[in-house]
Protein backbone atom coordinates (compact mmCIF):
# COMPACT_ATOMS: atom_id res chain seq x y z
CA MET A 1 51.02 80.15 -4.51
CA THR A 2 52.94 79.47 -7.73
CA LYS A 3 51.40 76.90 -10.05
CA GLN A 4 53.20 73.57 -9.84
CA VAL A 5 53.95 71.34 -12.80
CA PHE A 6 54.45 67.57 -12.52
CA VAL A 7 56.04 65.71 -15.45
CA ALA A 8 55.47 61.97 -15.92
CA PRO A 9 57.42 60.19 -18.71
CA LEU A 10 55.75 56.92 -19.75
CA VAL A 11 58.88 54.87 -20.33
CA GLU A 12 57.02 51.63 -21.04
CA ARG A 13 56.27 52.96 -24.51
CA THR A 14 59.96 53.12 -25.42
CA GLY A 15 60.86 50.40 -27.93
CA VAL A 16 61.86 51.03 -31.53
CA GLY A 17 63.83 54.27 -31.74
CA THR A 18 64.93 53.99 -28.10
CA ASP A 19 68.06 56.10 -28.54
CA ILE A 20 66.15 58.91 -30.25
CA ALA A 21 63.41 58.84 -27.63
CA PHE A 22 65.91 58.80 -24.77
CA HIS A 23 67.83 61.79 -26.13
CA ALA A 24 64.54 63.61 -26.79
CA LEU A 25 63.55 63.17 -23.14
CA LEU A 26 67.00 64.37 -22.06
CA ARG A 27 66.54 67.53 -24.12
CA VAL A 28 63.12 68.06 -22.55
CA ALA A 29 64.63 67.54 -19.09
CA HIS A 30 67.39 70.04 -19.85
CA ALA A 31 64.85 72.62 -21.00
CA CYS A 32 62.86 72.08 -17.79
CA GLY A 33 65.96 72.13 -15.58
CA HIS A 34 65.50 75.65 -14.25
CA SER A 35 61.72 75.53 -13.97
CA ASN A 36 61.42 73.65 -10.68
CA TYR A 37 59.10 71.06 -12.22
CA ALA A 38 58.47 67.88 -10.22
CA LEU A 39 59.18 64.46 -11.72
CA ILE A 40 56.76 61.56 -11.27
CA HIS A 41 58.55 58.20 -11.46
CA LEU A 42 56.41 55.44 -12.99
CA PRO A 43 57.17 51.72 -12.90
CA TYR A 44 57.02 49.66 -16.08
CA SER A 45 53.35 48.90 -16.78
CA ARG A 46 50.63 48.93 -19.42
CA THR A 47 49.82 52.39 -20.79
CA ASP A 48 46.42 52.79 -19.13
CA VAL A 49 47.86 51.67 -15.80
CA ALA A 50 50.84 54.01 -16.15
CA ARG A 51 48.58 56.99 -16.84
CA SER A 52 46.34 56.07 -13.91
CA ASN A 53 49.37 55.78 -11.61
CA ALA A 54 50.59 59.18 -12.78
CA VAL A 55 47.19 60.73 -11.98
CA LYS A 56 47.14 59.06 -8.56
CA SER A 57 50.61 60.36 -7.65
CA PHE A 58 49.77 63.81 -8.98
CA ARG A 59 46.56 64.12 -6.95
CA GLN A 60 48.28 62.90 -3.82
CA ALA A 61 50.97 65.54 -4.23
CA THR A 62 48.76 68.60 -4.71
CA THR A 63 45.30 70.03 -4.16
CA GLN A 64 45.73 73.26 -6.14
CA GLN A 65 43.26 73.37 -9.01
CA ASP A 66 45.69 75.03 -11.46
CA ASP A 67 48.55 72.63 -10.85
CA THR A 68 49.26 70.67 -14.01
CA LEU A 69 50.21 67.09 -14.88
CA VAL A 70 52.18 66.64 -18.11
CA MET A 71 52.46 63.09 -19.47
CA LEU A 72 55.07 62.33 -22.14
CA ASP A 73 55.02 59.08 -24.10
CA GLY A 74 58.45 57.51 -24.38
CA ASP A 75 58.22 56.61 -28.08
CA HIS A 76 58.22 60.14 -29.49
CA ASP A 77 60.90 62.60 -30.59
CA HIS A 78 59.53 65.36 -28.38
CA PRO A 79 60.54 68.98 -29.08
CA PRO A 80 62.67 70.28 -26.17
CA ASP A 81 60.18 73.03 -25.26
CA ILE A 82 57.10 70.79 -25.37
CA VAL A 83 56.38 70.96 -21.61
CA HIS A 84 56.75 74.74 -21.50
CA ARG A 85 54.42 75.21 -24.45
CA LEU A 86 51.72 72.89 -23.12
CA VAL A 87 51.80 74.46 -19.67
CA ALA A 88 51.81 78.00 -21.12
CA ALA A 89 48.47 77.32 -22.82
CA ASP A 90 46.90 77.47 -19.33
CA VAL A 91 43.77 75.51 -20.32
CA PRO A 92 42.16 72.45 -18.68
CA VAL A 93 43.40 69.87 -21.22
CA VAL A 94 45.81 70.41 -24.13
CA ALA A 95 47.78 67.92 -26.22
CA CYS A 96 50.33 68.14 -28.99
CA LEU A 97 49.49 66.88 -32.48
CA ALA A 98 50.56 63.27 -32.98
CA PHE A 99 50.17 60.68 -35.73
CA ARG A 100 49.35 56.98 -35.70
CA ARG A 101 52.47 54.83 -35.61
CA SER A 102 51.12 52.44 -38.27
CA GLU A 103 49.65 52.98 -41.72
CA PRO A 104 48.04 55.24 -42.79
CA TYR A 105 49.88 57.38 -40.19
CA ASP A 106 46.80 59.62 -39.82
CA PRO A 107 46.56 62.56 -37.39
CA GLN A 108 45.02 61.72 -34.02
CA ALA A 109 42.60 64.64 -33.90
CA TYR A 110 38.82 64.26 -34.12
CA VAL A 111 36.02 66.80 -33.88
CA ARG A 112 32.31 66.14 -33.33
CA THR A 113 29.95 68.28 -35.35
CA GLU A 114 26.71 69.81 -34.16
CA ASP A 115 24.78 66.86 -35.59
CA GLY A 116 26.89 64.46 -33.54
CA GLU A 117 29.05 63.05 -36.35
CA LEU A 118 32.78 62.56 -35.79
CA TYR A 119 35.38 63.42 -38.40
CA GLN A 120 39.13 63.33 -38.48
CA VAL A 121 40.83 66.70 -38.90
CA SER A 122 43.04 66.67 -41.98
CA GLU A 123 43.71 70.37 -42.56
CA TRP A 124 44.79 72.82 -39.89
CA THR A 125 46.77 75.94 -39.11
CA PRO A 126 49.40 76.11 -36.31
CA THR A 127 46.93 77.32 -33.69
CA ARG A 128 45.34 75.81 -30.58
CA GLU A 129 41.83 74.46 -31.24
CA ARG A 130 39.19 72.55 -29.33
CA VAL A 131 38.68 68.92 -30.40
CA THR A 132 36.65 65.93 -29.24
CA PHE A 133 39.35 63.25 -29.19
CA ALA A 134 43.11 63.84 -29.05
CA GLY A 135 46.05 61.47 -29.14
CA MET A 136 48.18 61.72 -26.03
CA ALA A 137 51.79 61.65 -27.11
CA ALA A 138 52.18 64.66 -24.84
CA ILE A 139 49.34 66.14 -22.84
CA ALA A 140 48.88 68.64 -20.01
CA ILE A 141 45.91 68.23 -17.65
CA LYS A 142 45.00 70.53 -14.77
CA ARG A 143 44.19 69.16 -11.32
CA SER A 144 40.71 70.70 -11.58
CA VAL A 145 39.84 68.35 -14.46
CA PHE A 146 40.00 65.21 -12.33
CA ASP A 147 37.93 66.83 -9.60
CA LYS A 148 35.28 67.91 -12.12
CA LEU A 149 35.10 64.38 -13.52
CA GLU A 150 34.36 63.02 -10.06
CA VAL A 151 31.71 65.66 -9.45
CA ALA A 152 30.11 64.53 -12.74
CA GLY A 153 29.98 60.96 -11.41
CA TYR A 154 33.18 59.53 -12.98
CA HIS A 155 35.78 58.02 -10.70
CA PRO A 156 39.30 56.62 -11.16
CA PRO A 157 40.67 55.09 -13.24
CA PHE A 158 40.19 57.90 -15.75
CA PHE A 159 42.26 55.98 -18.31
CA ARG A 160 41.31 52.43 -19.24
CA TYR A 161 40.65 50.09 -22.13
CA PRO A 162 36.89 49.37 -22.33
CA TYR A 163 36.45 45.89 -23.78
CA ASN A 164 33.25 45.97 -25.85
CA ALA A 165 30.97 43.11 -26.78
CA ASP A 166 31.91 43.53 -30.45
CA GLY A 167 35.57 42.89 -29.65
CA SER A 168 36.65 46.50 -30.12
CA THR A 169 38.94 48.11 -27.56
CA PRO A 170 39.09 51.91 -27.73
CA SER A 171 42.40 53.24 -26.45
CA GLU A 172 42.85 54.82 -23.03
CA ASP A 173 43.15 58.31 -24.52
CA VAL A 174 39.79 57.96 -26.27
CA TYR A 175 38.26 56.78 -23.00
CA PHE A 176 39.56 59.86 -21.15
CA CYS A 177 38.40 62.23 -23.88
CA ARG A 178 34.97 60.61 -23.85
CA LEU A 179 34.70 61.30 -20.11
CA CYS A 180 35.70 64.92 -20.69
CA GLU A 181 33.11 65.25 -23.45
CA ALA A 182 30.37 63.87 -21.21
CA ALA A 183 31.37 66.17 -18.35
CA GLY A 184 31.65 69.27 -20.58
CA ILE A 185 35.41 69.67 -20.09
CA PRO A 186 37.14 71.16 -23.17
CA VAL A 187 40.01 69.24 -24.77
CA GLU A 188 42.38 71.14 -27.07
CA ILE A 189 45.24 70.39 -29.44
CA ASP A 190 48.10 72.74 -30.22
CA PHE A 191 48.30 72.11 -33.96
CA GLY A 192 51.58 74.01 -34.10
CA LEU A 193 53.21 71.54 -31.72
CA ILE A 194 53.97 68.23 -33.45
CA SER A 195 55.76 65.35 -31.74
CA PRO A 196 56.93 62.70 -34.25
CA HIS A 197 56.01 59.11 -33.41
CA LEU A 198 58.91 56.65 -33.44
CA THR A 199 58.78 53.29 -35.18
CA THR A 200 61.35 52.33 -37.78
CA ALA A 201 61.19 55.98 -38.80
CA GLN A 202 59.81 59.25 -37.47
CA ILE A 203 56.09 59.46 -38.19
CA ASP A 204 54.71 62.98 -38.60
CA ASP A 205 52.53 64.99 -41.00
CA THR A 206 55.02 64.41 -43.84
CA SER A 207 54.72 60.63 -43.40
CA TRP A 208 50.95 60.78 -43.48
CA ARG A 209 50.69 63.00 -46.56
CA GLN A 210 53.25 60.87 -48.39
CA PHE A 211 51.23 57.75 -47.62
CA LEU A 212 48.10 59.37 -49.07
CA LYS A 213 50.07 60.43 -52.13
CA ASP A 214 51.20 56.82 -52.62
CA HIS A 215 47.68 55.49 -52.00
CA PRO A 216 45.25 57.94 -53.64
CA GLU A 217 42.44 55.38 -53.42
CA LEU A 218 42.40 55.88 -49.65
CA ILE A 219 41.89 59.64 -49.76
CA LYS A 220 38.63 60.67 -48.21
CA LYS A 221 36.96 64.07 -48.23
CA GLU A 222 39.27 66.35 -46.28
CA HIS A 223 38.14 68.61 -43.50
CA SER A 224 39.63 71.63 -41.82
CA LEU A 225 38.74 73.03 -38.44
CA ASP A 226 36.79 75.79 -40.20
CA ASP A 227 34.31 73.47 -41.94
CA LYS A 228 33.49 71.15 -39.07
CA VAL A 229 29.77 71.84 -39.44
CA SER A 230 29.13 72.95 -42.99
CA GLN A 231 30.93 70.16 -44.85
CA VAL A 232 29.71 67.19 -42.85
CA PRO A 233 26.36 65.83 -44.00
CA THR A 234 23.56 65.82 -41.48
CA SER A 235 21.64 62.60 -41.00
CA THR A 236 17.90 63.08 -41.31
CA ASP A 237 16.67 59.50 -41.27
CA LYS A 238 17.48 58.50 -37.70
CA PRO A 239 14.54 57.76 -35.39
CA THR A 240 14.01 59.65 -32.15
CA ILE A 241 14.69 57.76 -28.94
CA SER A 242 13.20 58.20 -25.47
CA VAL A 243 15.10 56.53 -22.62
CA VAL A 244 12.97 56.24 -19.48
CA ILE A 245 14.93 55.95 -16.21
CA PRO A 246 13.15 55.53 -12.86
CA SER A 247 15.34 56.34 -9.86
CA ARG A 248 15.27 56.75 -6.12
CA GLY A 249 17.97 57.59 -3.56
CA ARG A 250 20.95 57.32 -5.94
CA ALA A 251 21.91 60.88 -6.83
CA ASP A 252 25.56 60.24 -7.76
CA GLN A 253 24.77 57.01 -9.57
CA LEU A 254 21.96 58.68 -11.50
CA LYS A 255 24.20 61.53 -12.65
CA LYS A 256 26.82 59.03 -13.82
CA CYS A 257 24.15 57.06 -15.69
CA ILE A 258 22.89 60.20 -17.45
CA ASN A 259 26.40 61.28 -18.43
CA GLY A 260 27.21 57.80 -19.72
CA LEU A 261 24.02 57.76 -21.76
CA LYS A 262 24.87 61.12 -23.30
CA ALA A 263 28.42 60.07 -24.12
CA THR A 264 27.36 56.85 -25.88
CA THR A 265 24.48 58.23 -27.96
CA GLN A 266 26.13 61.19 -29.67
CA GLY A 267 24.68 61.73 -33.14
CA HIS A 268 21.23 60.45 -32.17
CA ASP A 269 18.15 62.38 -31.12
CA VAL A 270 17.75 61.06 -27.57
CA GLN A 271 15.30 62.27 -24.95
CA THR A 272 16.21 61.22 -21.40
CA VAL A 273 13.13 60.97 -19.17
CA ILE A 274 13.97 60.77 -15.45
CA VAL A 275 11.16 59.79 -13.07
CA LEU A 276 11.67 60.63 -9.38
CA ASP A 277 9.73 60.92 -6.13
CA GLU A 278 9.24 64.38 -4.63
CA ASP A 279 10.94 63.39 -1.35
CA ASP A 280 14.17 62.44 -3.19
CA ALA A 281 15.68 65.94 -2.98
CA ALA A 282 19.28 64.84 -3.62
CA SER A 283 18.39 63.17 -6.93
CA ILE A 284 16.21 66.10 -7.98
CA ASN A 285 19.11 68.46 -7.33
CA ALA A 286 21.55 66.13 -9.12
CA ILE A 287 19.68 66.37 -12.41
CA GLY A 288 19.07 70.09 -12.13
CA ALA A 289 21.81 71.07 -14.57
CA THR A 290 21.51 68.11 -16.96
CA PRO A 291 19.53 68.19 -20.24
CA VAL A 292 16.79 65.75 -19.26
CA THR A 293 13.01 65.61 -19.08
CA PRO A 294 12.29 65.33 -15.32
CA ILE A 295 9.07 63.92 -13.87
CA VAL A 296 8.72 64.46 -10.12
CA LEU A 297 5.92 62.41 -8.56
CA SER A 298 3.99 63.54 -5.49
CA GLY A 299 2.56 61.34 -2.75
CA GLU A 300 3.82 57.90 -1.77
CA PRO A 301 6.94 56.69 -3.66
CA LYS A 302 6.05 54.81 -6.84
CA ASN A 303 7.54 51.47 -7.84
CA ALA A 304 9.76 51.01 -10.90
CA VAL A 305 6.98 49.78 -13.21
CA GLU A 306 4.75 52.72 -12.36
CA LYS A 307 7.63 55.10 -13.09
CA TRP A 308 8.48 53.43 -16.41
CA ASN A 309 4.93 53.84 -17.64
CA LEU A 310 4.55 57.41 -16.37
CA GLY A 311 7.78 58.19 -18.18
CA ALA A 312 6.55 56.50 -21.36
CA HIS A 313 3.38 58.59 -21.17
CA ALA A 314 5.49 61.77 -21.22
CA ALA A 315 8.00 60.50 -23.78
CA SER A 316 8.04 61.74 -27.37
CA GLY A 317 10.43 59.33 -29.11
CA ASP A 318 9.74 56.85 -31.90
CA TRP A 319 11.44 54.24 -29.73
CA LEU A 320 10.92 53.76 -25.97
CA VAL A 321 13.85 52.37 -23.97
CA LEU A 322 13.44 50.60 -20.61
CA GLY A 323 16.35 52.24 -18.78
CA ALA A 324 17.57 52.18 -15.17
CA ASP A 325 20.05 54.06 -13.01
CA ASP A 326 22.13 50.89 -12.51
CA LEU A 327 22.95 50.48 -16.20
CA GLU A 328 26.37 51.04 -17.75
CA TRP A 329 25.97 52.01 -21.39
CA GLY A 330 28.46 50.35 -23.74
CA ASP A 331 30.14 52.20 -26.59
CA GLY A 332 27.79 52.58 -29.55
CA TRP A 333 25.06 50.51 -27.92
CA LEU A 334 22.23 52.46 -29.56
CA GLU A 335 23.73 52.38 -33.04
CA LYS A 336 24.32 48.62 -32.71
CA ALA A 337 20.76 48.07 -31.49
CA LEU A 338 19.20 50.07 -34.31
CA THR A 339 21.24 48.23 -36.95
CA THR A 340 20.09 44.85 -35.60
CA PRO A 341 17.38 43.41 -37.91
CA ASN A 342 14.19 43.83 -35.94
CA GLN A 343 10.42 44.24 -36.07
CA GLY A 344 10.00 46.74 -33.28
CA PHE A 345 11.33 44.98 -30.15
CA ILE A 346 15.06 44.78 -29.36
CA GLY A 347 16.65 43.23 -26.28
CA PHE A 348 20.05 44.44 -25.09
CA ASN A 349 23.03 42.37 -24.01
CA ASP A 350 23.23 43.03 -20.27
CA GLY A 351 26.46 41.10 -19.83
CA HIS A 352 24.75 38.25 -18.00
CA MET A 353 21.89 36.83 -20.09
CA ASP A 354 22.42 35.41 -23.59
CA GLY A 355 19.03 36.43 -24.99
CA LYS A 356 17.73 32.88 -25.21
CA GLU A 357 15.69 33.21 -22.02
CA LEU A 358 15.06 36.94 -21.73
CA ALA A 359 16.43 40.43 -22.16
CA THR A 360 16.44 42.31 -18.85
CA HIS A 361 16.39 45.67 -20.66
CA TYR A 362 14.96 46.45 -24.05
CA MET A 363 13.54 49.02 -26.45
CA MET A 364 10.33 48.99 -28.48
CA THR A 365 8.64 51.21 -31.02
CA ARG A 366 5.34 52.88 -30.26
CA GLU A 367 3.71 50.79 -32.97
CA TYR A 368 5.01 47.57 -31.44
CA SER A 369 3.90 48.66 -27.95
CA ARG A 370 0.34 49.24 -29.13
CA ALA A 371 0.12 46.07 -31.17
CA HIS A 372 1.90 43.60 -28.87
CA ASN A 373 2.55 45.12 -25.41
CA GLY A 374 -0.79 46.66 -24.52
CA GLY A 375 0.39 50.21 -25.18
CA VAL A 376 2.80 50.27 -22.22
CA LEU A 377 6.56 50.10 -21.67
CA ALA A 378 6.30 47.79 -18.63
CA ILE A 379 3.30 45.56 -17.85
CA PRO A 380 1.45 47.36 -14.99
CA HIS A 381 0.68 44.22 -12.98
CA TYR A 382 4.30 43.95 -11.81
CA HIS A 383 6.30 46.04 -9.33
CA SER A 384 9.95 45.61 -10.38
CA TRP A 385 10.45 41.91 -11.27
CA TYR A 386 9.31 39.64 -14.12
CA LEU A 387 8.10 42.51 -16.30
CA ASP A 388 11.14 41.82 -18.53
CA VAL A 389 10.27 38.11 -18.65
CA GLU A 390 6.74 38.82 -19.85
CA ALA A 391 7.95 41.47 -22.31
CA THR A 392 10.42 39.01 -23.82
CA GLU A 393 7.87 36.20 -23.94
CA ARG A 394 5.30 38.47 -25.62
CA ALA A 395 7.83 39.47 -28.27
CA LYS A 396 8.78 35.86 -28.93
CA ARG A 397 5.17 34.73 -29.22
CA ALA A 398 4.54 37.54 -31.69
CA GLY A 399 7.64 36.54 -33.69
CA LYS A 400 9.08 40.01 -33.11
CA PHE A 401 11.94 39.34 -30.66
CA ALA A 402 15.41 40.51 -31.69
CA PHE A 403 18.47 40.22 -29.45
CA ALA A 404 21.16 42.84 -30.14
CA ARG A 405 24.16 40.87 -28.95
CA GLU A 406 26.56 43.70 -29.76
CA ALA A 407 24.44 46.35 -28.00
CA TYR A 408 26.12 46.07 -24.63
CA VAL A 409 24.08 47.64 -21.78
CA GLU A 410 25.39 46.12 -18.57
CA HIS A 411 22.95 45.67 -15.69
CA ARG A 412 25.05 46.33 -12.58
CA HIS A 413 22.81 44.68 -10.01
CA PRO A 414 23.57 42.95 -6.68
CA LEU A 415 22.14 39.78 -8.21
CA TRP A 416 25.38 39.55 -10.21
CA ASN A 417 27.62 41.05 -7.52
CA LYS A 418 27.94 44.23 -9.57
CA ALA A 419 26.49 46.64 -6.99
CA GLN A 420 26.07 47.09 -3.26
CA MET A 421 22.68 46.42 -1.72
CA ASP A 422 20.88 49.66 -0.82
CA ASP A 423 17.43 50.74 0.38
CA THR A 424 16.04 50.90 -3.15
CA TYR A 425 17.17 47.34 -3.92
CA ARG A 426 15.80 46.15 -0.54
CA ARG A 427 12.46 47.75 -1.32
CA GLY A 428 12.39 45.89 -4.62
CA GLN A 429 13.29 42.56 -3.01
CA GLN A 430 9.98 42.46 -1.12
CA TRP A 431 8.12 42.19 -4.42
CA TYR A 432 10.06 39.30 -5.93
CA ALA A 433 7.78 36.47 -4.81
CA ILE A 434 4.66 38.51 -5.56
CA ASP A 435 5.81 39.36 -9.09
CA GLN A 436 6.89 35.75 -9.67
CA GLN A 437 3.39 34.53 -8.77
CA THR A 438 1.85 37.24 -10.97
CA TYR A 439 3.92 36.06 -13.93
CA ALA A 440 2.83 32.44 -13.43
CA GLU A 441 -0.83 33.45 -13.35
CA ARG A 442 -0.56 35.77 -16.35
CA SER A 443 1.35 33.17 -18.36
CA ARG A 444 -1.42 30.61 -17.83
CA ALA A 445 -3.97 33.23 -18.90
CA GLY A 446 -2.05 34.02 -22.11
CA PHE A 447 -0.79 37.47 -21.00
CA PRO A 448 -4.05 39.41 -21.42
CA ASP A 449 -4.07 43.16 -22.11
CA ASP A 450 -6.22 43.81 -19.03
CA PHE A 451 -4.89 47.34 -18.45
CA GLU A 452 -5.01 50.73 -20.14
CA SER A 453 -2.49 52.02 -22.66
CA VAL A 454 -0.23 54.88 -21.55
CA LEU A 455 0.48 55.92 -25.14
CA THR A 456 -2.34 58.40 -25.50
CA GLU A 457 -2.75 60.80 -28.41
CA ALA A 458 -1.30 63.54 -26.20
CA THR A 459 2.12 61.88 -26.41
CA GLU A 460 2.25 61.84 -30.19
């Protein structure tokens, strides 16, 4: 069957330069007139909603993996052949080169180096190249991409504005590209295909270079696509991080958690330790192709605390993170945590607690664990509750507690109506009263270290 192409103009972007944009879209339509392309009509709405509606209509209309959705922003002077050229590339995701509508009018093309650092491309040749983030003035996406994202644990909407604890709001195109990066889907830019942005003038590469010429103090070290590794300094002073995640019976959720962790910790040396029970075949299979350190436990299923400490025993990082498969990792959470003044114990902002009472999830250095937490990640006397309360209280009594308010790691738990109750949550519920009583008794006793450390010399 012939590959189908669906074109979706995002008219809500049309504002300044309306006449130019309208005529540009007419020229595009004329060029597509004999190609039997389908038109997706979108109502006036916010950009992320418009893109999501376009994807929904596209997926309802076709199941062929090679069929392609082309989205065209309405505030650009698009070249007439832009749809043909994007579709002809025949790759999963390809965009034109576009420039920011406001100063400094910089190119919206970013590449991540092998050491995880991002840089903005400032020199290029008119060829198609793989990038990490691309602006979406005009973009072609194959049907297979959306299916692969869902297989990787990401579900609609694929375009949205994530509102971070620090007040930042990455755009919907960055959000989509971040999903593609996490799922291993290549994103490309045709650097020979430029679509000028419309404001009070046409913004393109000439506008950007003229701005830099007028403001030489803003010029940074330039990069081309050929020096994306060699000319970007490699950081050598970052600590290693081990994130320990116990899981049971949540294969899809676990995969999504792992992918989200990977996407939000680029540039850091992170070891992901997944601790599972041997009878949880679906979860074991789900992590088979992911770069993690798996620990599969035999015998009766272990509780969360047992799994955290078994994971900590196998971990190799300077920092140990109390993770979970029902966490949603916020943008830059690790960087924000590490830059929080601390003395070895850092609590995350879970979206529900303010840090005054406790931090439900946290990270600690090995040195802190030995000196103030009995050499464990989670106090062994608990099952799945109140371990965080004791950990927080210990850190406060030692004068070592730091709350990273900007390190947003949301705990999506039924307690806050953020998740559906399942068998794993029900199993944990039976221990609530027991763990509560244990905390009361241990608090009166001054939280003794009446257990063995899991941080043996073998883990160093």
